[in-house]
Amino acid sequence: MENEQYCQQEFHHYNLRQKRIYFSQNLQFSKISFEKSILIPFKIP
């Protein structure tokens, strides 16, 4: 019984970690594309 609860907790923590990782990757990605979309038009060819 305890074991099951422990597993659920671990799974929950794992999920949170995955979401955080995904979120931070996503954030970096959007930051990069944001910078690109701003900087590229201003670059003189």
N, C-alpha and C. Protein backbone atom coordinates (compact mmCIF):
# COMPACT_ATOMS: atom_id res chain seq x y z
N MET A 1 0.83 -1.20 0.00
CA MET A 1 0.00 0.00 0.00
C MET A 1 0.88 1.26 0.00
N GLU A 2 1.84 1.29 0.90
CA GLU A 2 2.76 2.43 0.94
C GLU A 2 3.50 2.54 -0.38
N ASN A 3 3.87 1.36 -0.87
CA ASN A 3 4.64 1.31 -2.10
C ASN A 3 3.90 1.98 -3.25
N GLU A 4 2.62 1.72 -3.33
CA GLU A 4 1.83 2.28 -4.42
C GLU A 4 1.81 3.81 -4.32
N GLN A 5 1.65 4.28 -3.11
CA GLN A 5 1.62 5.72 -2.89
C GLN A 5 2.98 6.33 -3.27
N TYR A 6 4.01 5.64 -2.88
CA TYR A 6 5.37 6.09 -3.20
C TYR A 6 5.54 6.18 -4.72
N CYS A 7 5.07 5.18 -5.41
CA CYS A 7 5.17 5.15 -6.87
C CYS A 7 4.44 6.33 -7.49
N GLN A 8 3.26 6.60 -6.98
CA GLN A 8 2.48 7.71 -7.51
C GLN A 8 3.20 9.03 -7.26
N GLN A 9 3.77 9.16 -6.08
CA GLN A 9 4.52 10.37 -5.76
C GLN A 9 5.69 10.54 -6.71
N GLU A 10 6.42 9.46 -6.89
CA GLU A 10 7.58 9.50 -7.77
C GLU A 10 7.15 9.88 -9.18
N PHE A 11 6.06 9.29 -9.60
CA PHE A 11 5.56 9.55 -10.94
C PHE A 11 5.17 11.02 -11.07
N HIS A 12 4.55 11.53 -10.04
CA HIS A 12 4.14 12.93 -10.02
C HIS A 12 5.37 13.84 -10.12
N HIS A 13 6.39 13.53 -9.35
CA HIS A 13 7.61 14.32 -9.39
C HIS A 13 8.26 14.24 -10.76
N TYR A 14 8.25 13.04 -11.30
CA TYR A 14 8.82 12.84 -12.63
C TYR A 14 8.08 13.72 -13.65
N ASN A 15 6.76 13.72 -13.56
CA ASN A 15 5.95 14.53 -14.46
C ASN A 15 6.28 16.01 -14.33
N LEU A 16 6.39 16.46 -13.10
CA LEU A 16 6.71 17.86 -12.87
C LEU A 16 8.07 18.21 -13.48
N ARG A 17 9.03 17.31 -13.27
CA ARG A 17 10.36 17.54 -13.82
C ARG A 17 10.29 17.62 -15.34
N GLN A 18 9.57 16.70 -15.94
CA GLN A 18 9.47 16.69 -17.40
C GLN A 18 8.84 17.99 -17.89
N LYS A 19 7.79 18.41 -17.20
CA LYS A 19 7.12 19.64 -17.61
C LYS A 19 8.06 20.82 -17.49
N ARG A 20 8.82 20.83 -16.41
CA ARG A 20 9.74 21.95 -16.19
C ARG A 20 10.80 21.96 -17.29
N ILE A 21 11.33 20.78 -17.60
CA ILE A 21 12.34 20.67 -18.65
C ILE A 21 11.75 21.12 -19.98
N TYR A 22 10.56 20.63 -20.28
CA TYR A 22 9.90 20.99 -21.53
C TYR A 22 9.67 22.49 -21.58
N PHE A 23 9.21 23.02 -20.45
CA PHE A 23 8.90 24.44 -20.39
C PHE A 23 10.15 25.28 -20.62
N SER A 24 11.24 24.92 -19.97
CA SER A 24 12.46 25.72 -20.11
C SER A 24 13.03 25.60 -21.52
N GLN A 25 12.92 24.42 -22.11
CA GLN A 25 13.37 24.25 -23.50
C GLN A 25 12.53 25.11 -24.42
N ASN A 26 11.24 25.08 -24.15
CA ASN A 26 10.31 25.85 -24.95
C ASN A 26 10.60 27.33 -24.86
N LEU A 27 10.90 27.75 -23.64
CA LEU A 27 11.21 29.15 -23.37
C LEU A 27 12.45 29.57 -24.15
N GLN A 28 13.48 28.73 -24.08
CA GLN A 28 14.72 29.02 -24.81
C GLN A 28 14.44 29.09 -26.30
N PHE A 29 13.66 28.15 -26.76
CA PHE A 29 13.35 28.10 -28.19
C PHE A 29 12.63 29.37 -28.63
N SER A 30 11.62 29.78 -27.87
CA SER A 30 10.87 30.96 -28.27
C SER A 30 11.72 32.22 -28.14
N LYS A 31 12.63 32.20 -27.17
CA LYS A 31 13.54 33.34 -27.02
C LYS A 31 14.44 33.44 -28.25
N ILE A 32 14.96 32.31 -28.66
CA ILE A 32 15.84 32.28 -29.83
C ILE A 32 15.08 32.73 -31.08
N SER A 33 13.89 32.20 -31.28
CA SER A 33 13.16 32.57 -32.48
C SER A 33 12.69 34.02 -32.41
N PHE A 34 12.43 34.48 -31.20
CA PHE A 34 12.07 35.89 -31.02
C PHE A 34 13.25 36.78 -31.42
N GLU A 35 14.43 36.44 -30.92
CA GLU A 35 15.62 37.22 -31.27
C GLU A 35 15.88 37.17 -32.77
N LYS A 36 15.71 36.00 -33.34
CA LYS A 36 15.94 35.86 -34.78
C LYS A 36 14.96 36.75 -35.54
N SER A 37 13.71 36.71 -35.15
CA SER A 37 12.70 37.45 -35.89
C SER A 37 12.92 38.95 -35.75
N ILE A 38 13.56 39.35 -34.66
CA ILE A 38 13.83 40.78 -34.48
C ILE A 38 15.14 41.16 -35.18
N LEU A 39 16.15 40.33 -35.02
CA LEU A 39 17.47 40.70 -35.52
C LEU A 39 17.62 40.52 -37.02
N ILE A 40 17.05 39.48 -37.55
CA ILE A 40 17.26 39.18 -38.97
C ILE A 40 16.78 40.31 -39.90
N PRO A 41 15.60 40.86 -39.67
CA PRO A 41 15.15 41.93 -40.56
C PRO A 41 16.08 43.15 -40.55
N PHE A 42 16.78 43.35 -39.43
CA PHE A 42 17.63 44.53 -39.32
C PHE A 42 19.04 44.30 -39.84
N LYS A 43 19.33 43.06 -40.17
CA LYS A 43 20.67 42.79 -40.69
C LYS A 43 20.77 43.32 -42.11
N ILE A 44 21.83 44.03 -42.35
CA ILE A 44 22.03 44.57 -43.69
C ILE A 44 22.74 43.51 -44.53
N PRO A 45 22.17 43.13 -45.63
CA PRO A 45 22.75 42.07 -46.45
C PRO A 45 24.05 42.51 -47.12
